[in-house]
Amino acid sequence: MKPVVRKPTKEEREKAKKWPTWEKEVSTFPWEYDEKETCLIIEGNAVAKTSEGNAEFGAGDYVVFPKGLKCTWEIKQKIRKHYKFG
């Protein structure tokens, strides 16, 4: 199981701008998703390392983290994102 990384549609980008914002400095930490998370990366760059490979994403990417995913986040440049659970 890996995150899905792609470019958002115009509609997805507009919807995401209404979601809450989260940011974090350069760091590495483990994370487990107990529900699906969808996010739009506003700035920065990170890698989600999973048992099935790595998923790299950055500013402008639309990322979907599936429920049940266990990964290690490696934030390479301070990240800011709009996000939605469920």
PDB file of N, CA and C in Angstrom:
ATOM      1  N   MET A   1       0.855  -1.183   0.000  1.00  0.00           N
ATOM      2  CA  MET A   1       0.000   0.000   0.000  1.00  0.00           C
ATOM      3  C   MET A   1       0.897   1.241   0.000  1.00  0.00           C
ATOM      4  N   LYS A   2       0.659   2.136  -0.955  1.00  0.00           N
ATOM      5  CA  LYS A   2       1.413   3.381  -1.066  1.00  0.00           C
ATOM      6  C   LYS A   2       0.452   4.545  -1.265  1.00  0.00           C
ATOM      7  N   PRO A   3       0.896   5.755  -0.927  1.00  0.00           N
ATOM      8  CA  PRO A   3       0.074   6.926  -1.239  1.00  0.00           C
ATOM      9  C   PRO A   3      -0.018   7.102  -2.752  1.00  0.00           C
ATOM     10  N   VAL A   4      -1.112   7.711  -3.194  1.00  0.00           N
ATOM     11  CA  VAL A   4      -1.284   8.043  -4.607  1.00  0.00           C
ATOM     12  C   VAL A   4      -0.932   9.521  -4.755  1.00  0.00           C
ATOM     13  N   VAL A   5       0.026   9.819  -5.631  1.00  0.00           N
ATOM     14  CA  VAL A   5       0.480  11.191  -5.846  1.00  0.00           C
ATOM     15  C   VAL A   5       0.156  11.571  -7.293  1.00  0.00           C
ATOM     16  N   ARG A   6      -0.547  12.701  -7.458  1.00  0.00           N
ATOM     17  CA  ARG A   6      -0.884  13.169  -8.807  1.00  0.00           C
ATOM     18  C   ARG A   6      -1.150  14.664  -8.765  1.00  0.00           C
ATOM     19  N   LYS A   7      -1.350  15.250  -9.927  1.00  0.00           N
ATOM     20  CA  LYS A   7      -1.720  16.668  -9.998  1.00  0.00           C
ATOM     21  C   LYS A   7      -3.238  16.772  -9.850  1.00  0.00           C
ATOM     22  N   PRO A   8      -3.715  17.757  -9.088  1.00  0.00           N
ATOM     23  CA  PRO A   8      -5.161  17.895  -8.887  1.00  0.00           C
ATOM     24  C   PRO A   8      -5.851  18.521 -10.095  1.00  0.00           C
ATOM     25  N   THR A   9      -7.142  18.248 -10.208  1.00  0.00           N
ATOM     26  CA  THR A   9      -7.950  18.958 -11.196  1.00  0.00           C
ATOM     27  C   THR A   9      -8.193  20.364 -10.639  1.00  0.00           C
ATOM     28  N   LYS A  10      -8.670  21.246 -11.483  1.00  0.00           N
ATOM     29  CA  LYS A  10      -8.983  22.612 -11.027  1.00  0.00           C
ATOM     30  C   LYS A  10     -10.023  22.565  -9.913  1.00  0.00           C
ATOM     31  N   GLU A  11     -11.034  21.703 -10.062  1.00  0.00           N
ATOM     32  CA  GLU A  11     -12.098  21.576  -9.054  1.00  0.00           C
ATOM     33  C   GLU A  11     -11.529  21.066  -7.721  1.00  0.00           C
ATOM     34  N   GLU A  12     -10.667  20.061  -7.785  1.00  0.00           N
ATOM     35  CA  GLU A  12     -10.051  19.518  -6.561  1.00  0.00           C
ATOM     36  C   GLU A  12      -9.219  20.588  -5.860  1.00  0.00           C
ATOM     37  N   ARG A  13      -8.467  21.364  -6.626  1.00  0.00           N
ATOM     38  CA  ARG A  13      -7.622  22.416  -6.048  1.00  0.00           C
ATOM     39  C   ARG A  13      -8.485  23.453  -5.335  1.00  0.00           C
ATOM     40  N   GLU A  14      -9.598  23.855  -5.945  1.00  0.00           N
ATOM     41  CA  GLU A  14     -10.489  24.849  -5.331  1.00  0.00           C
ATOM     42  C   GLU A  14     -11.124  24.309  -4.046  1.00  0.00           C
ATOM     43  N   LYS A  15     -11.571  23.054  -4.062  1.00  0.00           N
ATOM     44  CA  LYS A  15     -12.154  22.433  -2.859  1.00  0.00           C
ATOM     45  C   LYS A  15     -11.134  22.375  -1.734  1.00  0.00           C
ATOM     46  N   ALA A  16      -9.912  21.954  -2.073  1.00  0.00           N
ATOM     47  CA  ALA A  16      -8.859  21.764  -1.071  1.00  0.00           C
ATOM     48  C   ALA A  16      -8.490  23.058  -0.365  1.00  0.00           C
ATOM     49  N   LYS A  17      -8.625  24.188  -1.039  1.00  0.00           N
ATOM     50  CA  LYS A  17      -8.277  25.476  -0.433  1.00  0.00           C
ATOM     51  C   LYS A  17      -9.161  25.805   0.764  1.00  0.00           C
ATOM     52  N   LYS A  18     -10.308  25.129   0.883  1.00  0.00           N
ATOM     53  CA  LYS A  18     -11.230  25.364   2.001  1.00  0.00           C
ATOM     54  C   LYS A  18     -10.931  24.450   3.193  1.00  0.00           C
ATOM     55  N   TRP A  19     -10.049  23.467   3.006  1.00  0.00           N
ATOM     56  CA  TRP A  19      -9.707  22.531   4.078  1.00  0.00           C
ATOM     57  C   TRP A  19      -8.730  23.173   5.064  1.00  0.00           C
ATOM     58  N   PRO A  20      -8.592  22.594   6.272  1.00  0.00           N
ATOM     59  CA  PRO A  20      -7.610  23.103   7.241  1.00  0.00           C
ATOM     60  C   PRO A  20      -6.186  22.975   6.679  1.00  0.00           C
ATOM     61  N   THR A  21      -5.267  23.694   7.300  1.00  0.00           N
ATOM     62  CA  THR A  21      -3.867  23.677   6.894  1.00  0.00           C
ATOM     63  C   THR A  21      -3.009  23.086   8.013  1.00  0.00           C
ATOM     64  N   TRP A  22      -2.009  22.314   7.612  1.00  0.00           N
ATOM     65  CA  TRP A  22      -1.047  21.715   8.549  1.00  0.00           C
ATOM     66  C   TRP A  22       0.342  22.009   8.026  1.00  0.00           C
ATOM     67  N   GLU A  23       1.281  22.274   8.923  1.00  0.00           N
ATOM     68  CA  GLU A  23       2.657  22.476   8.489  1.00  0.00           C
ATOM     69  C   GLU A  23       3.624  21.860   9.494  1.00  0.00           C
ATOM     70  N   LYS A  24       4.797  21.497   8.968  1.00  0.00           N
ATOM     71  CA  LYS A  24       5.817  20.886   9.831  1.00  0.00           C
ATOM     72  C   LYS A  24       7.190  21.153   9.244  1.00  0.00           C
ATOM     73  N   GLU A  25       8.138  21.366  10.148  1.00  0.00           N
ATOM     74  CA  GLU A  25       9.515  21.629   9.755  1.00  0.00           C
ATOM     75  C   GLU A  25      10.211  20.348   9.271  1.00  0.00           C
ATOM     76  N   VAL A  26      11.417  20.506   8.760  1.00  0.00           N
ATOM     77  CA  VAL A  26      12.221  19.370   8.318  1.00  0.00           C
ATOM     78  C   VAL A  26      12.340  18.381   9.477  1.00  0.00           C
ATOM     79  N   SER A  27      11.969  17.129   9.228  1.00  0.00           N
ATOM     80  CA  SER A  27      11.980  16.104  10.273  1.00  0.00           C
ATOM     81  C   SER A  27      11.680  14.740   9.663  1.00  0.00           C
ATOM     82  N   THR A  28      11.825  13.710  10.483  1.00  0.00           N
ATOM     83  CA  THR A  28      11.492  12.340  10.086  1.00  0.00           C
ATOM     84  C   THR A  28      10.707  11.717  11.233  1.00  0.00           C
ATOM     85  N   PHE A  29       9.562  11.080  10.907  1.00  0.00           N
ATOM     86  CA  PHE A  29       8.739  10.478  11.955  1.00  0.00           C
ATOM     87  C   PHE A  29       7.851   9.388  11.366  1.00  0.00           C
ATOM     88  N   PRO A  30       7.531   8.361  12.171  1.00  0.00           N
ATOM     89  CA  PRO A  30       6.615   7.305  11.709  1.00  0.00           C
ATOM     90  C   PRO A  30       5.171   7.789  11.813  1.00  0.00           C
ATOM     91  N   TRP A  31       4.307   7.276  10.908  1.00  0.00           N
ATOM     92  CA  TRP A  31       2.896   7.651  10.947  1.00  0.00           C
ATOM     93  C   TRP A  31       2.042   6.493  10.456  1.00  0.00           C
ATOM     94  N   GLU A  32       0.858   6.361  11.045  1.00  0.00           N
ATOM     95  CA  GLU A  32      -0.101   5.339  10.627  1.00  0.00           C
ATOM     96  C   GLU A  32      -1.446   6.018  10.395  1.00  0.00           C
ATOM     97  N   TYR A  33      -2.089   5.706   9.275  1.00  0.00           N
ATOM     98  CA  TYR A  33      -3.368   6.318   8.913  1.00  0.00           C
ATOM     99  C   TYR A  33      -4.515   5.422   9.331  1.00  0.00           C
ATOM    100  N   ASP A  34      -5.307   5.877  10.327  1.00  0.00           N
ATOM    101  CA  ASP A  34      -6.464   5.085  10.763  1.00  0.00           C
ATOM    102  C   ASP A  34      -7.705   5.448   9.950  1.00  0.00           C
ATOM    103  N   GLU A  35      -7.575   6.433   9.075  1.00  0.00           N
ATOM    104  CA  GLU A  35      -8.592   6.732   8.070  1.00  0.00           C
ATOM    105  C   GLU A  35      -7.894   7.392   6.885  1.00  0.00           C
ATOM    106  N   LYS A  36      -8.581   7.408   5.746  1.00  0.00           N
ATOM    107  CA  LYS A  36      -8.006   7.987   4.529  1.00  0.00           C
ATOM    108  C   LYS A  36      -7.763   9.482   4.728  1.00  0.00           C
ATOM    109  N   GLU A  37      -6.630   9.967   4.217  1.00  0.00           N
ATOM    110  CA  GLU A  37      -6.349  11.405   4.220  1.00  0.00           C
ATOM    111  C   GLU A  37      -6.071  11.842   2.790  1.00  0.00           C
ATOM    112  N   THR A  38      -6.691  12.937   2.396  1.00  0.00           N
ATOM    113  CA  THR A  38      -6.452  13.544   1.092  1.00  0.00           C
ATOM    114  C   THR A  38      -5.856  14.913   1.354  1.00  0.00           C
ATOM    115  N   CYS A  39      -4.800  15.253   0.624  1.00  0.00           N
ATOM    116  CA  CYS A  39      -4.205  16.559   0.854  1.00  0.00           C
ATOM    117  C   CYS A  39      -3.668  17.189  -0.427  1.00  0.00           C
ATOM    118  N   LEU A  40      -3.564  18.507  -0.379  1.00  0.00           N
ATOM    119  CA  LEU A  40      -2.971  19.296  -1.447  1.00  0.00           C
ATOM    120  C   LEU A  40      -1.741  19.961  -0.840  1.00  0.00           C
ATOM    121  N   ILE A  41      -0.576  19.676  -1.406  1.00  0.00           N
ATOM    122  CA  ILE A  41       0.665  20.237  -0.879  1.00  0.00           C
ATOM    123  C   ILE A  41       0.796  21.682  -1.373  1.00  0.00           C
ATOM    124  N   ILE A  42       0.912  22.609  -0.423  1.00  0.00           N
ATOM    125  CA  ILE A  42       1.014  24.030  -0.738  1.00  0.00           C
ATOM    126  C   ILE A  42       2.472  24.411  -0.979  1.00  0.00           C
ATOM    127  N   GLU A  43       3.346  23.918  -0.107  1.00  0.00           N
ATOM    128  CA  GLU A  43       4.775  24.191  -0.271  1.00  0.00           C
ATOM    129  C   GLU A  43       5.582  23.093   0.392  1.00  0.00           C
ATOM    130  N   GLY A  44       6.840  22.986  -0.008  1.00  0.00           N
ATOM    131  CA  GLY A  44       7.738  22.014   0.592  1.00  0.00           C
ATOM    132  C   GLY A  44       7.880  20.752  -0.229  1.00  0.00           C
ATOM    133  N   ASN A  45       8.574  19.783   0.391  1.00  0.00           N
ATOM    134  CA  ASN A  45       8.876  18.523  -0.273  1.00  0.00           C
ATOM    135  C   ASN A  45       9.058  17.453   0.787  1.00  0.00           C
ATOM    136  N   ALA A  46       8.497  16.262   0.530  1.00  0.00           N
ATOM    137  CA  ALA A  46       8.607  15.165   1.490  1.00  0.00           C
ATOM    138  C   ALA A  46       8.547  13.823   0.765  1.00  0.00           C
ATOM    139  N   VAL A  47       8.929  12.787   1.505  1.00  0.00           N
ATOM    140  CA  VAL A  47       8.850  11.414   1.020  1.00  0.00           C
ATOM    141  C   VAL A  47       8.117  10.598   2.075  1.00  0.00           C
ATOM    142  N   ALA A  48       7.156   9.783   1.642  1.00  0.00           N
ATOM    143  CA  ALA A  48       6.506   8.817   2.528  1.00  0.00           C
ATOM    144  C   ALA A  48       7.131   7.467   2.192  1.00  0.00           C
ATOM    145  N   LYS A  49       7.868   6.916   3.143  1.00  0.00           N
ATOM    146  CA  LYS A  49       8.542   5.637   2.930  1.00  0.00           C
ATOM    147  C   LYS A  49       7.648   4.515   3.438  1.00  0.00           C
ATOM    148  N   THR A  50       7.322   3.571   2.534  1.00  0.00           N
ATOM    149  CA  THR A  50       6.445   2.459   2.890  1.00  0.00           C
ATOM    150  C   THR A  50       7.152   1.145   2.598  1.00  0.00           C
ATOM    151  N   SER A  51       6.567   0.056   3.042  1.00  0.00           N
ATOM    152  CA  SER A  51       7.143  -1.271   2.784  1.00  0.00           C
ATOM    153  C   SER A  51       7.079  -1.623   1.300  1.00  0.00           C
ATOM    154  N   GLU A  52       6.247  -0.917   0.544  1.00  0.00           N
ATOM    155  CA  GLU A  52       6.103  -1.170  -0.900  1.00  0.00           C
ATOM    156  C   GLU A  52       6.851  -0.152  -1.751  1.00  0.00           C
ATOM    157  N   GLY A  53       7.659   0.691  -1.114  1.00  0.00           N
ATOM    158  CA  GLY A  53       8.412   1.702  -1.851  1.00  0.00           C
ATOM    159  C   GLY A  53       8.108   3.095  -1.347  1.00  0.00           C
ATOM    160  N   ASN A  54       8.793   4.057  -1.930  1.00  0.00           N
ATOM    161  CA  ASN A  54       8.658   5.444  -1.507  1.00  0.00           C
ATOM    162  C   ASN A  54       7.758   6.233  -2.431  1.00  0.00           C
ATOM    163  N   ALA A  55       7.079   7.232  -1.869  1.00  0.00           N
ATOM    164  CA  ALA A  55       6.258   8.155  -2.651  1.00  0.00           C
ATOM    165  C   ALA A  55       6.732   9.563  -2.320  1.00  0.00           C
ATOM    166  N   GLU A  56       7.292  10.244  -3.304  1.00  0.00           N
ATOM    167  CA  GLU A  56       7.777  11.607  -3.091  1.00  0.00           C
ATOM    168  C   GLU A  56       6.744  12.591  -3.613  1.00  0.00           C
ATOM    169  N   PHE A  57       6.587  13.707  -2.898  1.00  0.00           N
ATOM    170  CA  PHE A  57       5.603  14.708  -3.291  1.00  0.00           C
ATOM    171  C   PHE A  57       6.056  16.082  -2.848  1.00  0.00           C
ATOM    172  N   GLY A  58       5.517  17.089  -3.531  1.00  0.00           N
ATOM    173  CA  GLY A  58       5.893  18.466  -3.227  1.00  0.00           C
ATOM    174  C   GLY A  58       4.796  19.425  -3.634  1.00  0.00           C
ATOM    175  N   ALA A  59       5.141  20.706  -3.605  1.00  0.00           N
ATOM    176  CA  ALA A  59       4.180  21.771  -3.892  1.00  0.00           C
ATOM    177  C   ALA A  59       3.413  21.494  -5.183  1.00  0.00           C
ATOM    178  N   GLY A  60       2.084  21.610  -5.090  1.00  0.00           N
ATOM    179  CA  GLY A  60       1.224  21.408  -6.246  1.00  0.00           C
ATOM    180  C   GLY A  60       0.678  19.998  -6.381  1.00  0.00           C
ATOM    181  N   ASP A  61       1.205  19.055  -5.603  1.00  0.00           N
ATOM    182  CA  ASP A  61       0.740  17.667  -5.694  1.00  0.00           C
ATOM    183  C   ASP A  61      -0.509  17.437  -4.853  1.00  0.00           C
ATOM    184  N   TYR A  62      -1.325  16.509  -5.324  1.00  0.00           N
ATOM    185  CA  TYR A  62      -2.541  16.051  -4.647  1.00  0.00           C
ATOM    186  C   TYR A  62      -2.230  14.633  -4.201  1.00  0.00           C
ATOM    187  N   VAL A  63      -2.291  14.374  -2.899  1.00  0.00           N
ATOM    188  CA  VAL A  63      -1.852  13.090  -2.362  1.00  0.00           C
ATOM    189  C   VAL A  63      -2.982  12.437  -1.570  1.00  0.00           C
ATOM    190  N   VAL A  64      -3.199  11.145  -1.819  1.00  0.00           N
ATOM    191  CA  VAL A  64      -4.199  10.384  -1.078  1.00  0.00           C
ATOM    192  C   VAL A  64      -3.474   9.273  -0.322  1.00  0.00           C
ATOM    193  N   PHE A  65      -3.566   9.335   1.018  1.00  0.00           N
ATOM    194  CA  PHE A  65      -2.984   8.316   1.891  1.00  0.00           C
ATOM    195  C   PHE A  65      -4.101   7.358   2.283  1.00  0.00           C
ATOM    196  N   PRO A  66      -4.025   6.090   1.874  1.00  0.00           N
ATOM    197  CA  PRO A  66      -5.113   5.150   2.171  1.00  0.00           C
ATOM    198  C   PRO A  66      -5.189   4.764   3.647  1.00  0.00           C
ATOM    199  N   LYS A  67      -6.395   4.456   4.080  1.00  0.00           N
ATOM    200  CA  LYS A  67      -6.628   3.969   5.444  1.00  0.00           C
ATOM    201  C   LYS A  67      -5.787   2.711   5.657  1.00  0.00           C
ATOM    202  N   GLY A  68      -5.116   2.636   6.815  1.00  0.00           N
ATOM    203  CA  GLY A  68      -4.307   1.474   7.151  1.00  0.00           C
ATOM    204  C   GLY A  68      -2.847   1.602   6.758  1.00  0.00           C
ATOM    205  N   LEU A  69      -2.484   2.662   6.017  1.00  0.00           N
ATOM    206  CA  LEU A  69      -1.100   2.842   5.590  1.00  0.00           C
ATOM    207  C   LEU A  69      -0.195   3.117   6.781  1.00  0.00           C
ATOM    208  N   LYS A  70       0.928   2.411   6.821  1.00  0.00           N
ATOM    209  CA  LYS A  70       1.984   2.686   7.805  1.00  0.00           C
ATOM    210  C   LYS A  70       3.186   3.163   7.006  1.00  0.00           C
ATOM    211  N   CYS A  71       3.726   4.318   7.409  1.00  0.00           N
ATOM    212  CA  CYS A  71       4.855   4.860   6.664  1.00  0.00           C
ATOM    213  C   CYS A  71       5.735   5.696   7.577  1.00  0.00           C
ATOM    214  N   THR A  72       6.860   6.107   7.033  1.00  0.00           N
ATOM    215  CA  THR A  72       7.729   7.060   7.705  1.00  0.00           C
ATOM    216  C   THR A  72       7.792   8.297   6.831  1.00  0.00           C
ATOM    217  N   TRP A  73       7.423   9.423   7.409  1.00  0.00           N
ATOM    218  CA  TRP A  73       7.519  10.696   6.713  1.00  0.00           C
ATOM    219  C   TRP A  73       8.947  11.207   6.838  1.00  0.00           C
ATOM    220  N   GLU A  74       9.517  11.646   5.725  1.00  0.00           N
ATOM    221  CA  GLU A  74      10.801  12.342   5.733  1.00  0.00           C
ATOM    222  C   GLU A  74      10.557  13.681   5.046  1.00  0.00           C
ATOM    223  N   ILE A  75      10.475  14.730   5.864  1.00  0.00           N
ATOM    224  CA  ILE A  75      10.225  16.069   5.332  1.00  0.00           C
ATOM    225  C   ILE A  75      11.571  16.690   4.997  1.00  0.00           C
ATOM    226  N   LYS A  76      11.766  16.984   3.701  1.00  0.00           N
ATOM    227  CA  LYS A  76      13.047  17.513   3.221  1.00  0.00           C
ATOM    228  C   LYS A  76      13.072  19.031   3.208  1.00  0.00           C
ATOM    229  N   GLN A  77      11.916  19.640   2.951  1.00  0.00           N
ATOM    230  CA  GLN A  77      11.738  21.090   3.029  1.00  0.00           C
ATOM    231  C   GLN A  77      10.442  21.309   3.779  1.00  0.00           C
ATOM    232  N   LYS A  78      10.419  22.297   4.685  1.00  0.00           N
ATOM    233  CA  LYS A  78       9.207  22.570   5.474  1.00  0.00           C
ATOM    234  C   LYS A  78       7.968  22.383   4.609  1.00  0.00           C
ATOM    235  N   ILE A  79       7.029  21.599   5.133  1.00  0.00           N
ATOM    236  CA  ILE A  79       5.827  21.263   4.355  1.00  0.00           C
ATOM    237  C   ILE A  79       4.623  22.014   4.898  1.00  0.00           C
ATOM    238  N   ARG A  80       3.776  22.463   3.966  1.00  0.00           N
ATOM    239  CA  ARG A  80       2.460  23.024   4.306  1.00  0.00           C
ATOM    240  C   ARG A  80       1.468  22.365   3.376  1.00  0.00           C
ATOM    241  N   LYS A  81       0.340  21.958   3.951  1.00  0.00           N
ATOM    242  CA  LYS A  81      -0.664  21.269   3.132  1.00  0.00           C
ATOM    243  C   LYS A  81      -2.057  21.580   3.635  1.00  0.00           C
ATOM    244  N   HIS A  82      -3.028  21.522   2.702  1.00  0.00           N
ATOM    245  CA  HIS A  82      -4.436  21.485   3.054  1.00  0.00           C
ATOM    246  C   HIS A  82      -4.766  20.010   3.168  1.00  0.00           C
ATOM    247  N   TYR A  83      -5.601  19.632   4.128  1.00  0.00           N
ATOM    248  CA  TYR A  83      -5.891  18.216   4.312  1.00  0.00           C
ATOM    249  C   TYR A  83      -7.341  17.967   4.705  1.00  0.00           C
ATOM    250  N   LYS A  84      -7.774  16.730   4.422  1.00  0.00           N
ATOM    251  CA  LYS A  84      -9.133  16.302   4.789  1.00  0.00           C
ATOM    252  C   LYS A  84      -9.067  14.814   5.116  1.00  0.00           C
ATOM    253  N   PHE A  85      -9.670  14.423   6.228  1.00  0.00           N
ATOM    254  CA  PHE A  85      -9.755  12.996   6.594  1.00  0.00           C
ATOM    255  C   PHE A  85     -11.102  12.447   6.173  1.00  0.00           C
ATOM    256  N   GLY A  86     -11.109  11.130   5.906  1.00  0.00           N
ATOM    257  CA  GLY A  86     -12.348  10.455   5.569  1.00  0.00           C
ATOM    258  C   GLY A  86     -12.613  10.391   4.091  1.00  0.00           C
TER     259      GLY A  86
END
